[in-house]
Protein backbone atom coordinates (compact mmCIF):
# COMPACT_ATOMS: atom_id res chain seq x y z
CA MET A 1 -47.32 -290.46 60.98
CA ARG A 2 -44.06 -290.02 59.09
CA THR A 3 -43.83 -291.61 55.65
CA CYS A 4 -41.68 -294.58 54.70
CA ARG A 5 -39.53 -292.26 52.59
CA TYR A 6 -38.84 -290.06 55.61
CA TRP A 7 -37.80 -292.96 57.83
CA ILE A 8 -35.69 -294.62 55.15
CA GLU A 9 -33.77 -291.39 54.58
CA ARG A 10 -33.23 -290.84 58.32
CA PHE A 11 -32.26 -294.47 58.79
CA GLN A 12 -29.77 -294.27 55.91
CA GLU A 13 -28.17 -291.15 57.39
CA ASP A 14 -27.79 -292.87 60.73
CA PHE A 15 -26.48 -296.01 58.99
CA TYR A 16 -23.58 -294.09 57.43
CA GLN A 17 -22.91 -292.10 60.60
CA ARG A 18 -22.27 -295.44 62.33
CA GLY A 19 -19.51 -296.18 59.82
CA ARG A 20 -21.39 -298.75 57.76
CA SER A 21 -20.50 -299.14 54.09
CA GLN A 22 -22.37 -298.29 50.92
CA THR A 23 -21.92 -301.87 49.75
CA THR A 24 -23.74 -303.24 52.80
CA TRP A 25 -26.52 -300.70 52.31
CA THR A 26 -26.95 -301.59 48.64
CA THR A 27 -26.64 -305.37 48.90
CA ASP A 28 -28.59 -305.91 52.11
CA TYR A 29 -30.65 -302.99 53.39
CA TRP A 30 -31.85 -301.32 50.21
CA LYS A 31 -33.02 -304.64 48.76
CA VAL A 32 -35.60 -304.71 51.55
CA LEU A 33 -36.36 -301.04 52.13
CA LYS A 34 -37.05 -300.26 48.48
CA LEU A 35 -40.13 -302.47 48.76
CA LEU A 36 -41.80 -300.01 51.14
CA PRO A 37 -44.29 -297.59 49.51
CA PRO A 38 -42.47 -294.25 49.90
CA GLU A 39 -45.47 -291.99 50.51
CA GLU A 40 -47.36 -294.21 52.94
CA PRO A 41 -46.85 -294.12 56.72
CA LEU A 42 -44.39 -296.66 58.09
CA THR A 43 -46.42 -299.28 59.97
CA ALA A 44 -45.94 -302.74 61.43
CA ALA A 45 -48.37 -304.09 58.84
CA LEU A 46 -46.21 -302.87 55.96
CA LEU A 47 -43.06 -304.31 57.52
CA HIS A 48 -44.76 -307.64 58.14
CA GLN A 49 -45.99 -307.72 54.54
CA ILE A 50 -42.39 -307.49 53.32
CA VAL A 51 -41.27 -310.29 55.62
CA VAL A 52 -43.98 -312.77 54.66
CA SER A 53 -43.53 -311.99 50.96
CA THR A 54 -40.23 -313.89 51.14
CA SER A 55 -39.93 -317.68 51.25
CA PRO A 56 -39.48 -319.20 54.73
CA ASN A 57 -36.03 -320.47 55.76
CA THR A 58 -34.18 -318.56 53.04
CA LYS A 59 -31.50 -315.92 52.94
CA SER A 60 -34.09 -313.43 51.67
CA ARG A 61 -36.34 -314.10 54.68
CA ARG A 62 -33.45 -313.74 57.10
CA ARG A 63 -32.39 -310.45 55.48
CA ALA A 64 -35.96 -309.12 55.51
CA CYS A 65 -36.32 -309.89 59.20
CA MET A 66 -32.98 -308.29 60.04
CA VAL A 67 -33.69 -305.05 58.15
CA THR A 68 -37.34 -304.62 59.19
CA LYS A 69 -36.45 -305.22 62.82
CA GLN A 70 -33.77 -302.52 62.71
CA ILE A 71 -35.84 -299.86 60.99
CA ALA A 72 -38.80 -300.65 63.27
CA LYS A 73 -36.61 -300.04 66.31
CA PHE A 74 -35.19 -296.87 64.75
CA ALA A 75 -38.65 -295.46 63.92
CA ARG A 76 -40.15 -296.74 67.19
CA VAL A 77 -42.66 -298.92 65.41
CA LYS A 78 -43.79 -301.90 67.46
CA TYR A 79 -42.80 -304.82 65.26
CA ASP A 80 -40.62 -307.86 65.93
CA PRO A 81 -40.17 -310.29 63.01
CA THR A 82 -38.01 -312.71 65.00
CA PRO A 83 -40.65 -315.52 65.06
CA TYR A 84 -40.63 -315.52 61.24
CA GLN A 85 -36.85 -315.58 60.77
CA GLY A 86 -36.65 -319.34 60.25
CA ASN A 87 -33.61 -321.57 60.37
CA TYR A 88 -31.63 -320.45 57.33
CA SER A 89 -27.86 -320.50 57.71
CA PRO A 90 -25.29 -319.89 54.95
CA LYS A 91 -23.18 -322.74 53.68
CA ARG A 92 -20.08 -323.04 55.80
CA PRO A 93 -16.74 -324.29 54.52
CA LYS A 94 -15.68 -327.56 56.08
CA PRO A 95 -12.55 -327.67 58.24
CA ARG A 96 -10.73 -329.79 55.67
CA ASP A 97 -11.17 -326.98 53.11
CA ILE A 98 -9.23 -324.51 55.24
CA PRO A 99 -5.54 -324.11 54.24
CA SER A 100 -2.92 -325.11 56.77
CA ASP A 101 -0.30 -322.61 57.88
CA ALA A 102 2.32 -324.61 55.99
CA LEU A 103 0.30 -324.44 52.76
CA ILE A 104 -0.21 -320.69 53.19
CA ILE A 105 3.54 -320.09 53.64
CA ASN A 106 4.55 -322.33 50.73
CA TYR A 107 2.06 -320.70 48.38
CA TRP A 108 3.15 -317.22 49.47
CA ARG A 109 6.74 -318.17 48.59
CA SER A 110 5.65 -319.29 45.13
CA LEU A 111 4.18 -315.90 44.18
CA ASP A 112 6.23 -313.69 41.88
CA ASN A 113 4.13 -310.51 41.94
CA PRO A 114 5.17 -308.51 45.03
CA GLY A 115 1.83 -306.71 45.23
CA TRP A 116 -0.27 -309.86 45.31
CA ARG A 117 2.24 -311.48 47.63
CA PHE A 118 1.74 -308.58 50.04
CA ILE A 119 -2.07 -308.86 49.83
CA LEU A 120 -2.00 -312.60 50.50
CA GLY A 121 0.31 -312.16 53.50
CA LEU A 122 -1.80 -309.33 54.91
CA ILE A 123 -5.06 -311.28 54.67
CA ALA A 124 -3.49 -314.40 56.15
CA THR A 125 -1.92 -312.55 59.09
CA TYR A 126 -4.93 -310.42 60.02
CA GLY A 127 -7.93 -312.43 58.79
CA LEU A 128 -9.26 -309.65 56.57
CA ARG A 129 -12.04 -309.75 54.03
CA PRO A 130 -10.35 -309.53 50.60
CA HIS A 131 -11.44 -305.93 49.92
CA GLU A 132 -10.27 -304.78 53.37
CA ALA A 133 -6.65 -305.53 52.47
CA PHE A 134 -6.82 -302.43 50.23
CA LEU A 135 -8.41 -300.22 52.89
CA VAL A 136 -5.97 -300.23 55.81
CA ASP A 137 -3.63 -297.66 57.33
CA TYR A 138 -0.42 -298.48 55.47
CA GLU A 139 1.51 -295.67 57.17
CA ARG A 140 0.98 -297.23 60.60
CA LEU A 141 1.83 -300.64 59.20
CA SER A 142 5.09 -299.45 57.62
CA SER A 143 6.03 -297.59 60.82
CA GLY A 144 6.30 -300.90 62.65
CA ASP A 145 2.84 -300.88 64.27
CA ARG A 146 1.77 -304.52 64.18
CA VAL A 147 -1.77 -303.66 65.20
CA LEU A 148 -3.53 -303.28 61.87
CA TRP A 149 -6.03 -300.45 61.44
CA VAL A 150 -8.81 -301.21 58.98
CA LEU A 151 -9.97 -297.75 57.95
CA LYS A 152 -13.22 -298.74 56.27
CA GLY A 153 -14.90 -301.70 54.69
CA LYS A 154 -18.01 -303.82 55.14
CA THR A 155 -18.19 -303.17 58.90
CA GLY A 156 -16.27 -299.90 59.21
CA GLU A 157 -13.12 -299.05 61.13
CA ARG A 158 -11.55 -301.52 63.55
CA ARG A 159 -8.21 -302.78 64.87
CA VAL A 160 -6.86 -306.28 64.26
CA TRP A 161 -3.94 -308.13 65.85
CA ALA A 162 -1.55 -310.48 64.05
CA PHE A 163 -1.97 -314.23 64.44
CA HIS A 164 0.83 -315.35 63.96
CA PRO A 165 2.80 -312.23 64.96
CA GLU A 166 5.93 -313.68 63.32
CA TRP A 167 4.26 -313.34 59.94
CA TYR A 168 4.58 -309.56 60.15
CA GLU A 169 8.31 -309.95 59.46
CA GLN A 170 8.16 -313.15 57.44
CA PHE A 171 5.66 -311.67 54.97
CA ASN A 172 7.47 -308.29 54.97
CA LEU A 173 4.29 -306.43 55.86
CA ALA A 174 6.22 -303.31 56.95
CA ASN A 175 6.79 -302.66 53.23
CA PRO A 176 3.33 -302.39 51.66
CA ILE A 177 3.23 -302.94 47.91
CA LEU A 178 -0.21 -302.92 46.30
CA PRO A 179 -1.08 -304.59 43.01
CA ALA A 180 -2.72 -302.58 40.23
CA VAL A 181 -6.36 -302.63 41.34
CA ASN A 182 -8.93 -299.91 40.71
CA LEU A 183 -10.02 -298.74 44.17
CA ASN A 184 -12.64 -296.29 42.90
CA ARG A 185 -15.31 -298.98 43.05
CA ARG A 186 -17.63 -300.66 45.52
CA ASN A 187 -16.05 -302.88 48.16
CA ASP A 188 -17.51 -306.05 46.67
CA GLN A 189 -16.00 -305.21 43.28
CA ILE A 190 -12.58 -304.60 44.81
CA GLY A 191 -12.78 -307.87 46.70
CA HIS A 192 -13.92 -309.70 43.58
CA SER A 193 -10.87 -308.47 41.67
CA ALA A 194 -8.57 -309.98 44.30
CA THR A 195 -10.54 -313.21 44.56
CA ARG A 196 -10.66 -313.61 40.78
CA HIS A 197 -6.93 -312.97 40.40
CA PHE A 198 -5.98 -315.77 42.76
CA TRP A 199 -8.52 -318.09 41.16
CA GLU A 200 -7.10 -317.38 37.71
CA ILE A 201 -3.51 -318.14 38.78
CA GLY A 202 -4.53 -321.46 40.32
CA CYS A 203 -4.42 -320.70 44.05
CA PRO A 204 -4.97 -324.00 45.91
CA PHE A 205 -7.49 -322.38 48.28
CA ARG A 206 -10.05 -319.60 48.17
CA LEU A 207 -8.76 -316.20 49.22
CA TYR A 208 -11.58 -315.85 51.75
CA ASP A 209 -10.48 -319.09 53.39
CA LEU A 210 -7.47 -317.23 54.78
CA ARG A 211 -9.96 -315.35 56.95
CA HIS A 212 -11.42 -318.63 58.19
CA ALA A 213 -7.92 -319.94 58.88
CA TRP A 214 -7.20 -316.84 60.98
CA ALA A 215 -10.34 -317.42 63.02
CA ILE A 216 -9.41 -321.03 63.74
CA ARG A 217 -5.89 -319.91 64.63
CA THR A 218 -7.25 -317.53 67.28
CA LEU A 219 -9.10 -320.47 68.84
CA GLU A 220 -5.81 -322.33 69.11
CA TYR A 221 -4.17 -319.28 70.68
CA GLY A 222 -7.00 -319.08 73.19
CA LEU A 223 -8.27 -315.62 72.19
CA GLU A 224 -11.69 -314.92 73.72
CA ASP A 225 -14.63 -315.23 71.34
CA ALA A 226 -15.80 -311.66 71.90
CA LEU A 227 -12.35 -310.26 71.07
CA ALA A 228 -11.91 -312.43 67.98
CA ALA A 229 -15.39 -311.49 66.75
CA LYS A 230 -14.71 -307.77 67.22
CA GLN A 231 -11.43 -308.01 65.34
CA MET A 232 -13.16 -309.85 62.49
CA GLY A 233 -15.90 -307.23 62.33
CA HIS A 234 -18.91 -309.38 63.10
CA SER A 235 -21.04 -310.35 66.09
CA VAL A 236 -20.18 -312.94 68.72
CA GLU A 237 -23.26 -314.90 67.61
CA VAL A 238 -21.98 -315.12 64.04
CA HIS A 239 -18.51 -316.02 65.28
CA ASN A 240 -19.72 -318.86 67.47
CA ASP A 241 -22.17 -320.11 64.86
CA ILE A 242 -19.43 -320.48 62.26
CA TYR A 243 -16.21 -321.27 64.09
CA GLN A 244 -17.01 -323.03 67.35
CA GLN A 245 -18.05 -326.11 65.38
CA TRP A 246 -14.47 -326.37 64.16
CA ILE A 247 -12.91 -326.95 67.56
CA ASP A 248 -11.59 -330.46 66.94
CA GLY A 249 -9.76 -332.89 69.18
CA HIS A 250 -6.39 -331.34 68.38
CA ILE A 251 -7.45 -327.92 69.68
CA HIS A 252 -9.03 -329.47 72.77
CA GLN A 253 -5.80 -331.39 73.47
CA ARG A 254 -3.66 -328.26 73.22
CA ALA A 255 -5.99 -326.39 75.56
CA TYR A 256 -5.86 -329.31 78.00
CA GLU A 257 -2.05 -329.32 77.97
CA ARG A 258 -1.92 -325.58 78.64
CA LEU A 259 -4.18 -326.03 81.66
CA LEU A 260 -2.07 -328.90 82.99
CA ASN A 261 1.08 -326.80 82.71
CA ARG A 262 -0.31 -324.03 84.90
CA ALA A 263 1.67 -323.73 88.13
CA ASP A 264 -1.50 -322.97 90.08
CA ARG A 265 -3.65 -325.79 88.74
CA PRO A 266 -5.62 -327.83 91.30
CA GLN A 267 -3.85 -330.91 92.64
CA PRO A 268 -5.52 -334.15 93.74
CA PRO A 269 -5.12 -335.30 97.35
CA SER A 270 -2.19 -337.60 97.94
CA LEU A 271 -2.83 -341.33 98.29
CA GLU A 272 0.10 -341.66 100.68
CA THR A 273 -0.82 -341.98 104.32
């Protein structure tokens, strides 16, 4: 049998070939895979030992199950840790913590630094992770292409559409101006610089909450879950788990009104004889 070292190296090569980031490898995958004895054969018993060494219903257990399941499939080792995954779920921001569109616009207007103003507008319009705002195709953006191309980041390359499209002009996104941020670092460090800057200047919401606001906005527009999830760079399961719980009465009412206004909607039989 091949050793753990062999399979980890092959798995890492494949991981990067699929466009995944070094940050994700370091913060998620390597934390688990480094626990495997490098010179021993990769077996289901070793993978299971890593899983059960973590506390049940924790982030560590969930990560261990995710990583061991993937490398087991890659190495064709018969092991499925799903029954041990537990019920851990990360803390989710509450709907009332998400900034309204009016608050986003008013705060954008209050910013003096053109670079940080651009970053805020870009994240708000396209629902990016903070570090991804520094890793997009600015040439396409400045050429008038409103479909944003994320070149790399936590989940690799993808395309994202503007919600609201009017913000492309209102936030002057065709004229990219970047603040002075060192980009020769890991993605999480780049994102932390942006997050910390807005915290230090007293931003009334977390920078990451602009991403949540974008997701809720797509629900109001009626964008399909699978499309919204793909544009956000995560799975449909993650998307539904986080955002579907935020469909409140207001969103339901707007959807109901759109259905009623359809010319081809079903009509009840007439009561007139």
